[in-house]
N, C-alpha and C. Protein backbone atom coordinates (compact mmCIF):
# COMPACT_ATOMS: atom_id res chain seq x y z
N GLN A 1 -49.73 17.21 100.70
CA GLN A 1 -50.93 17.33 99.88
C GLN A 1 -51.48 18.75 99.96
N VAL A 2 -51.97 19.24 98.83
CA VAL A 2 -52.61 20.55 98.78
C VAL A 2 -53.90 20.39 97.98
N GLN A 3 -55.00 20.86 98.55
CA GLN A 3 -56.27 20.89 97.82
C GLN A 3 -56.55 22.33 97.42
N LEU A 4 -56.96 22.53 96.20
CA LEU A 4 -57.14 23.88 95.65
C LEU A 4 -58.56 24.04 95.11
N VAL A 5 -59.19 25.17 95.46
CA VAL A 5 -60.54 25.45 94.98
C VAL A 5 -60.58 26.88 94.45
N GLU A 6 -60.84 27.01 93.15
CA GLU A 6 -60.93 28.33 92.53
C GLU A 6 -62.34 28.88 92.61
N SER A 7 -62.43 30.20 92.59
CA SER A 7 -63.72 30.88 92.52
C SER A 7 -63.51 32.25 91.91
N GLY A 8 -64.63 32.90 91.57
CA GLY A 8 -64.56 34.27 91.08
C GLY A 8 -64.72 34.43 89.58
N GLY A 9 -64.83 33.34 88.86
CA GLY A 9 -65.02 33.45 87.42
C GLY A 9 -66.41 33.97 87.09
N GLY A 10 -66.61 34.28 85.82
CA GLY A 10 -67.91 34.77 85.39
C GLY A 10 -67.85 35.39 84.02
N LEU A 11 -68.92 36.11 83.69
CA LEU A 11 -69.05 36.78 82.40
C LEU A 11 -68.80 38.27 82.59
N VAL A 12 -67.94 38.84 81.77
CA VAL A 12 -67.61 40.25 81.88
C VAL A 12 -67.44 40.83 80.48
N GLN A 13 -67.68 42.11 80.33
CA GLN A 13 -67.51 42.75 79.03
C GLN A 13 -66.04 43.11 78.79
N THR A 14 -65.71 43.30 77.55
CA THR A 14 -64.36 43.73 77.19
C THR A 14 -64.00 45.01 77.95
N GLY A 15 -62.81 45.00 78.52
CA GLY A 15 -62.35 46.13 79.30
C GLY A 15 -62.67 46.04 80.78
N GLY A 16 -63.46 45.05 81.14
CA GLY A 16 -63.85 44.87 82.52
C GLY A 16 -62.79 44.17 83.36
N SER A 17 -63.15 43.93 84.62
CA SER A 17 -62.21 43.33 85.57
C SER A 17 -62.87 42.18 86.32
N LEU A 18 -62.04 41.25 86.73
CA LEU A 18 -62.46 40.16 87.60
C LEU A 18 -61.30 39.82 88.51
N THR A 19 -61.63 39.31 89.69
CA THR A 19 -60.60 38.79 90.58
C THR A 19 -60.90 37.33 90.88
N LEU A 20 -59.97 36.48 90.55
CA LEU A 20 -60.09 35.07 90.85
C LEU A 20 -59.40 34.77 92.18
N SER A 21 -59.99 33.83 92.91
CA SER A 21 -59.40 33.39 94.16
C SER A 21 -59.15 31.89 94.10
N CYS A 22 -58.14 31.46 94.81
CA CYS A 22 -57.82 30.04 94.91
C CYS A 22 -57.53 29.75 96.37
N ALA A 23 -58.46 29.06 97.02
CA ALA A 23 -58.30 28.71 98.42
C ALA A 23 -57.59 27.36 98.52
N ALA A 24 -56.56 27.33 99.34
CA ALA A 24 -55.76 26.13 99.48
C ALA A 24 -55.90 25.55 100.87
N SER A 25 -55.95 24.26 100.94
CA SER A 25 -55.92 23.56 102.23
C SER A 25 -54.76 22.58 102.18
N GLY A 26 -54.23 22.27 103.35
CA GLY A 26 -53.07 21.40 103.37
C GLY A 26 -51.86 22.13 103.92
N ARG A 27 -50.92 21.37 104.40
CA ARG A 27 -49.80 21.96 105.12
C ARG A 27 -48.72 22.55 104.24
N THR A 28 -48.76 22.27 102.94
CA THR A 28 -47.65 22.69 102.10
C THR A 28 -47.90 23.98 101.35
N PHE A 29 -49.03 24.65 101.61
CA PHE A 29 -49.32 25.88 100.86
C PHE A 29 -48.22 26.90 101.05
N SER A 30 -47.82 27.11 102.28
CA SER A 30 -46.84 28.16 102.56
C SER A 30 -45.48 27.85 101.96
N SER A 31 -45.21 26.61 101.66
CA SER A 31 -43.93 26.23 101.08
C SER A 31 -44.02 26.00 99.58
N SER A 32 -45.17 26.34 99.00
CA SER A 32 -45.37 26.11 97.56
C SER A 32 -45.41 27.42 96.79
N ALA A 33 -44.76 27.42 95.66
CA ALA A 33 -45.02 28.48 94.68
C ALA A 33 -46.37 28.18 94.04
N MET A 34 -47.08 29.23 93.67
CA MET A 34 -48.43 29.07 93.14
C MET A 34 -48.50 29.67 91.74
N GLY A 35 -49.26 29.01 90.90
CA GLY A 35 -49.41 29.49 89.54
C GLY A 35 -50.86 29.54 89.10
N TRP A 36 -51.11 30.38 88.12
CA TRP A 36 -52.39 30.40 87.42
C TRP A 36 -52.14 30.01 85.96
N PHE A 37 -53.01 29.16 85.46
CA PHE A 37 -52.97 28.73 84.08
C PHE A 37 -54.36 28.91 83.49
N ARG A 38 -54.47 28.82 82.18
CA ARG A 38 -55.78 28.89 81.54
C ARG A 38 -55.81 27.98 80.32
N GLN A 39 -57.02 27.56 80.00
CA GLN A 39 -57.20 26.70 78.84
C GLN A 39 -58.46 27.10 78.09
N ALA A 40 -58.27 27.53 76.86
CA ALA A 40 -59.39 27.89 75.99
C ALA A 40 -59.81 26.65 75.20
N PRO A 41 -61.04 26.63 74.72
CA PRO A 41 -61.52 25.47 73.96
C PRO A 41 -60.62 25.16 72.77
N GLY A 42 -60.22 23.91 72.65
CA GLY A 42 -59.40 23.48 71.54
C GLY A 42 -57.93 23.85 71.63
N LYS A 43 -57.55 24.43 72.76
CA LYS A 43 -56.15 24.86 72.92
C LYS A 43 -55.53 24.16 74.13
N GLU A 44 -54.20 24.18 74.16
CA GLU A 44 -53.50 23.60 75.30
C GLU A 44 -53.55 24.56 76.50
N ARG A 45 -53.39 23.96 77.66
CA ARG A 45 -53.33 24.77 78.87
C ARG A 45 -52.06 25.61 78.82
N GLU A 46 -52.19 26.89 79.16
CA GLU A 46 -51.05 27.79 79.08
C GLU A 46 -50.82 28.54 80.40
N PHE A 47 -49.57 28.87 80.59
CA PHE A 47 -49.14 29.61 81.79
C PHE A 47 -49.69 31.03 81.74
N VAL A 48 -50.11 31.52 82.90
CA VAL A 48 -50.57 32.89 83.02
C VAL A 48 -49.69 33.68 83.98
N ALA A 49 -49.52 33.16 85.20
CA ALA A 49 -48.75 33.89 86.21
C ALA A 49 -48.29 32.93 87.29
N ARG A 50 -47.25 33.36 88.00
CA ARG A 50 -46.69 32.56 89.10
C ARG A 50 -46.22 33.50 90.19
N ILE A 51 -46.35 33.04 91.43
CA ILE A 51 -45.85 33.79 92.57
C ILE A 51 -45.04 32.85 93.43
N SER A 52 -43.92 33.34 93.92
CA SER A 52 -43.02 32.52 94.72
C SER A 52 -43.62 32.21 96.08
N ARG A 53 -42.95 31.32 96.82
CA ARG A 53 -43.46 30.90 98.13
C ARG A 53 -43.66 32.08 99.06
N GLY A 54 -42.71 32.97 99.08
CA GLY A 54 -42.80 34.11 99.98
C GLY A 54 -43.58 35.29 99.40
N GLY A 55 -43.91 35.20 98.12
CA GLY A 55 -44.67 36.27 97.49
C GLY A 55 -43.81 37.39 96.93
N GLY A 56 -42.50 37.27 97.06
CA GLY A 56 -41.64 38.36 96.63
C GLY A 56 -41.33 38.40 95.15
N THR A 57 -41.57 37.28 94.47
CA THR A 57 -41.25 37.20 93.05
C THR A 57 -42.48 36.78 92.27
N THR A 58 -42.80 37.55 91.25
CA THR A 58 -43.94 37.21 90.38
C THR A 58 -43.46 37.14 88.93
N THR A 59 -44.12 36.30 88.18
CA THR A 59 -43.78 36.10 86.77
C THR A 59 -45.09 36.06 85.98
N TYR A 60 -45.07 36.65 84.78
CA TYR A 60 -46.29 36.72 83.98
C TYR A 60 -46.02 36.32 82.54
N ALA A 61 -47.04 35.78 81.92
CA ALA A 61 -47.00 35.59 80.48
C ALA A 61 -47.04 36.96 79.82
N ASP A 62 -46.40 37.08 78.67
CA ASP A 62 -46.36 38.36 77.98
C ASP A 62 -47.78 38.85 77.65
N SER A 63 -48.67 37.92 77.39
CA SER A 63 -50.02 38.29 76.96
C SER A 63 -50.84 38.95 78.06
N VAL A 64 -50.43 38.82 79.31
CA VAL A 64 -51.20 39.39 80.42
C VAL A 64 -50.41 40.42 81.21
N LYS A 65 -49.14 40.57 80.90
CA LYS A 65 -48.28 41.49 81.66
C LYS A 65 -48.84 42.90 81.59
N GLY A 66 -48.92 43.53 82.76
CA GLY A 66 -49.46 44.89 82.83
C GLY A 66 -50.96 44.94 83.02
N ARG A 67 -51.63 43.80 82.83
CA ARG A 67 -53.09 43.76 83.01
C ARG A 67 -53.49 42.87 84.19
N PHE A 68 -52.75 41.80 84.44
CA PHE A 68 -53.07 40.86 85.52
C PHE A 68 -52.06 41.02 86.65
N THR A 69 -52.53 40.75 87.87
CA THR A 69 -51.66 40.78 89.04
C THR A 69 -51.94 39.57 89.90
N ILE A 70 -50.90 38.82 90.20
CA ILE A 70 -51.02 37.67 91.09
C ILE A 70 -50.54 38.07 92.48
N SER A 71 -51.22 37.58 93.51
CA SER A 71 -50.83 37.87 94.88
C SER A 71 -51.26 36.70 95.75
N ARG A 72 -50.76 36.68 96.97
CA ARG A 72 -51.12 35.61 97.90
C ARG A 72 -51.24 36.17 99.31
N ASP A 73 -52.10 35.52 100.07
CA ASP A 73 -52.33 35.89 101.47
C ASP A 73 -52.08 34.64 102.30
N GLY A 74 -50.97 34.62 103.00
CA GLY A 74 -50.60 33.44 103.76
C GLY A 74 -51.55 33.17 104.91
N ALA A 75 -52.10 34.21 105.50
CA ALA A 75 -53.02 34.03 106.63
C ALA A 75 -54.31 33.36 106.18
N LYS A 76 -54.68 33.59 104.94
CA LYS A 76 -55.92 33.02 104.41
C LYS A 76 -55.67 31.81 103.52
N ASN A 77 -54.41 31.45 103.33
CA ASN A 77 -54.08 30.34 102.44
C ASN A 77 -54.73 30.51 101.07
N THR A 78 -54.65 31.69 100.53
CA THR A 78 -55.35 32.01 99.29
C THR A 78 -54.41 32.74 98.34
N VAL A 79 -54.54 32.41 97.06
CA VAL A 79 -53.82 33.12 96.02
C VAL A 79 -54.87 33.77 95.11
N TYR A 80 -54.55 34.95 94.62
CA TYR A 80 -55.50 35.74 93.83
C TYR A 80 -54.93 36.03 92.44
N LEU A 81 -55.83 36.28 91.53
CA LEU A 81 -55.45 36.78 90.22
C LEU A 81 -56.39 37.93 89.88
N GLN A 82 -55.86 39.15 89.99
CA GLN A 82 -56.62 40.34 89.61
C GLN A 82 -56.44 40.55 88.12
N MET A 83 -57.56 40.58 87.41
CA MET A 83 -57.52 40.69 85.95
C MET A 83 -58.23 41.97 85.53
N ASN A 84 -57.48 42.87 84.90
CA ASN A 84 -58.02 44.14 84.42
C ASN A 84 -57.93 44.21 82.90
N SER A 85 -58.66 45.13 82.33
CA SER A 85 -58.63 45.36 80.88
C SER A 85 -58.80 44.05 80.11
N LEU A 86 -59.80 43.31 80.50
CA LEU A 86 -59.99 41.98 79.91
C LEU A 86 -60.37 42.07 78.44
N LYS A 87 -59.91 41.06 77.71
CA LYS A 87 -60.13 40.97 76.27
C LYS A 87 -60.84 39.66 75.95
N PRO A 88 -61.52 39.59 74.82
CA PRO A 88 -62.18 38.32 74.46
C PRO A 88 -61.20 37.14 74.42
N GLU A 89 -59.96 37.40 74.06
CA GLU A 89 -58.98 36.31 74.01
C GLU A 89 -58.55 35.81 75.39
N ASP A 90 -59.00 36.47 76.44
CA ASP A 90 -58.76 35.99 77.80
C ASP A 90 -59.79 34.94 78.21
N THR A 91 -60.79 34.72 77.38
CA THR A 91 -61.81 33.73 77.68
C THR A 91 -61.20 32.34 77.77
N ALA A 92 -61.43 31.67 78.90
CA ALA A 92 -60.83 30.36 79.14
C ALA A 92 -61.31 29.84 80.50
N VAL A 93 -60.99 28.59 80.76
CA VAL A 93 -61.09 28.07 82.12
C VAL A 93 -59.75 28.34 82.79
N TYR A 94 -59.83 28.97 83.96
CA TYR A 94 -58.62 29.33 84.70
C TYR A 94 -58.41 28.36 85.85
N TYR A 95 -57.16 27.90 85.96
CA TYR A 95 -56.80 26.93 86.97
C TYR A 95 -55.69 27.48 87.85
N CYS A 96 -55.75 27.21 89.14
CA CYS A 96 -54.59 27.48 89.97
C CYS A 96 -53.87 26.16 90.23
N ALA A 97 -52.61 26.28 90.52
CA ALA A 97 -51.77 25.10 90.69
C ALA A 97 -50.67 25.40 91.69
N ALA A 98 -50.18 24.33 92.32
CA ALA A 98 -49.15 24.47 93.33
C ALA A 98 -47.90 23.69 92.93
N ASP A 99 -46.77 24.33 93.11
CA ASP A 99 -45.46 23.72 92.89
C ASP A 99 -44.75 23.65 94.23
N SER A 100 -44.70 22.47 94.82
CA SER A 100 -44.12 22.31 96.15
C SER A 100 -42.67 21.84 96.11
N SER A 101 -42.07 21.87 94.93
CA SER A 101 -40.72 21.33 94.78
C SER A 101 -39.65 22.18 95.45
N GLY A 102 -39.92 23.47 95.63
CA GLY A 102 -38.90 24.33 96.18
C GLY A 102 -37.92 24.87 95.16
N ARG A 103 -38.11 24.52 93.90
CA ARG A 103 -37.23 25.04 92.85
C ARG A 103 -37.34 26.55 92.77
N PRO A 104 -36.22 27.24 92.68
CA PRO A 104 -36.27 28.71 92.58
C PRO A 104 -36.63 29.19 91.18
N ILE A 105 -36.61 28.28 90.21
CA ILE A 105 -36.89 28.68 88.84
C ILE A 105 -38.37 28.99 88.69
N PRO A 106 -38.73 30.11 88.07
CA PRO A 106 -40.14 30.43 87.86
C PRO A 106 -40.76 29.55 86.78
N GLU A 107 -41.17 28.37 87.17
CA GLU A 107 -41.65 27.38 86.23
C GLU A 107 -42.92 27.81 85.51
N ARG A 108 -42.93 27.60 84.20
CA ARG A 108 -44.11 27.87 83.39
C ARG A 108 -44.70 26.59 82.83
N ARG A 109 -44.03 25.47 83.02
CA ARG A 109 -44.48 24.20 82.48
C ARG A 109 -45.55 23.58 83.39
N THR A 110 -46.64 23.15 82.80
CA THR A 110 -47.71 22.55 83.59
C THR A 110 -47.23 21.31 84.33
N SER A 111 -46.31 20.58 83.74
CA SER A 111 -45.84 19.32 84.34
C SER A 111 -45.09 19.53 85.65
N MET A 112 -44.65 20.75 85.91
CA MET A 112 -43.88 21.03 87.12
C MET A 112 -44.76 21.36 88.32
N TYR A 113 -46.07 21.37 88.12
CA TYR A 113 -47.00 21.68 89.20
C TYR A 113 -47.73 20.39 89.60
N GLU A 114 -47.66 20.08 90.89
CA GLU A 114 -48.19 18.80 91.35
C GLU A 114 -49.68 18.82 91.65
N TYR A 115 -50.19 19.95 92.05
CA TYR A 115 -51.58 20.01 92.51
C TYR A 115 -52.35 21.04 91.70
N TRP A 116 -53.60 20.69 91.39
CA TRP A 116 -54.43 21.53 90.54
C TRP A 116 -55.84 21.66 91.10
N GLY A 117 -56.43 22.82 90.87
CA GLY A 117 -57.83 22.99 91.19
C GLY A 117 -58.70 22.51 90.05
N GLN A 118 -60.01 22.67 90.22
CA GLN A 118 -60.95 22.17 89.23
C GLN A 118 -61.23 23.18 88.12
N GLY A 119 -60.81 24.42 88.32
CA GLY A 119 -60.96 25.45 87.31
C GLY A 119 -62.20 26.30 87.49
N THR A 120 -62.13 27.53 86.98
CA THR A 120 -63.27 28.43 86.99
C THR A 120 -63.35 29.13 85.63
N GLN A 121 -64.55 29.23 85.09
CA GLN A 121 -64.73 29.76 83.74
C GLN A 121 -64.73 31.29 83.76
N VAL A 122 -63.96 31.86 82.85
CA VAL A 122 -63.96 33.30 82.62
C VAL A 122 -64.36 33.53 81.16
N THR A 123 -65.40 34.31 80.96
CA THR A 123 -65.86 34.61 79.61
C THR A 123 -65.90 36.12 79.43
N VAL A 124 -65.21 36.60 78.40
CA VAL A 124 -65.16 38.03 78.11
C VAL A 124 -65.91 38.26 76.80
N SER A 125 -66.98 39.03 76.90
CA SER A 125 -67.79 39.29 75.71
C SER A 125 -67.30 40.54 74.99
N SER A 126 -67.41 40.52 73.66
CA SER A 126 -66.94 41.65 72.86
C SER A 126 -68.05 42.66 72.63
């Protein structure tokens, strides 16, 4: 079991930055790949970024590549999403998720993640 709690969302102007945090509890954090997803009103939840169990491999959606950075701190059981150069289209509820399957494939499908946080709102004003 993994419990996930996101924080760090808020209101920011276009071009600004935010860092989201996802604190994990439970014994499987270190053995789980972690992902960030987002869901805008009226849209499906979409993949944003993923980091492997050891942190050595990261994967990004094309829409955020070069602007967002995912990282993890094993000592703190926390995964981060540093978001720079934010755009109004980045406005969404952001969720972190855990994939404890051990699959080496950088999964982007929401169905492949077993555990989810409650989400944190990010709003980018134009």
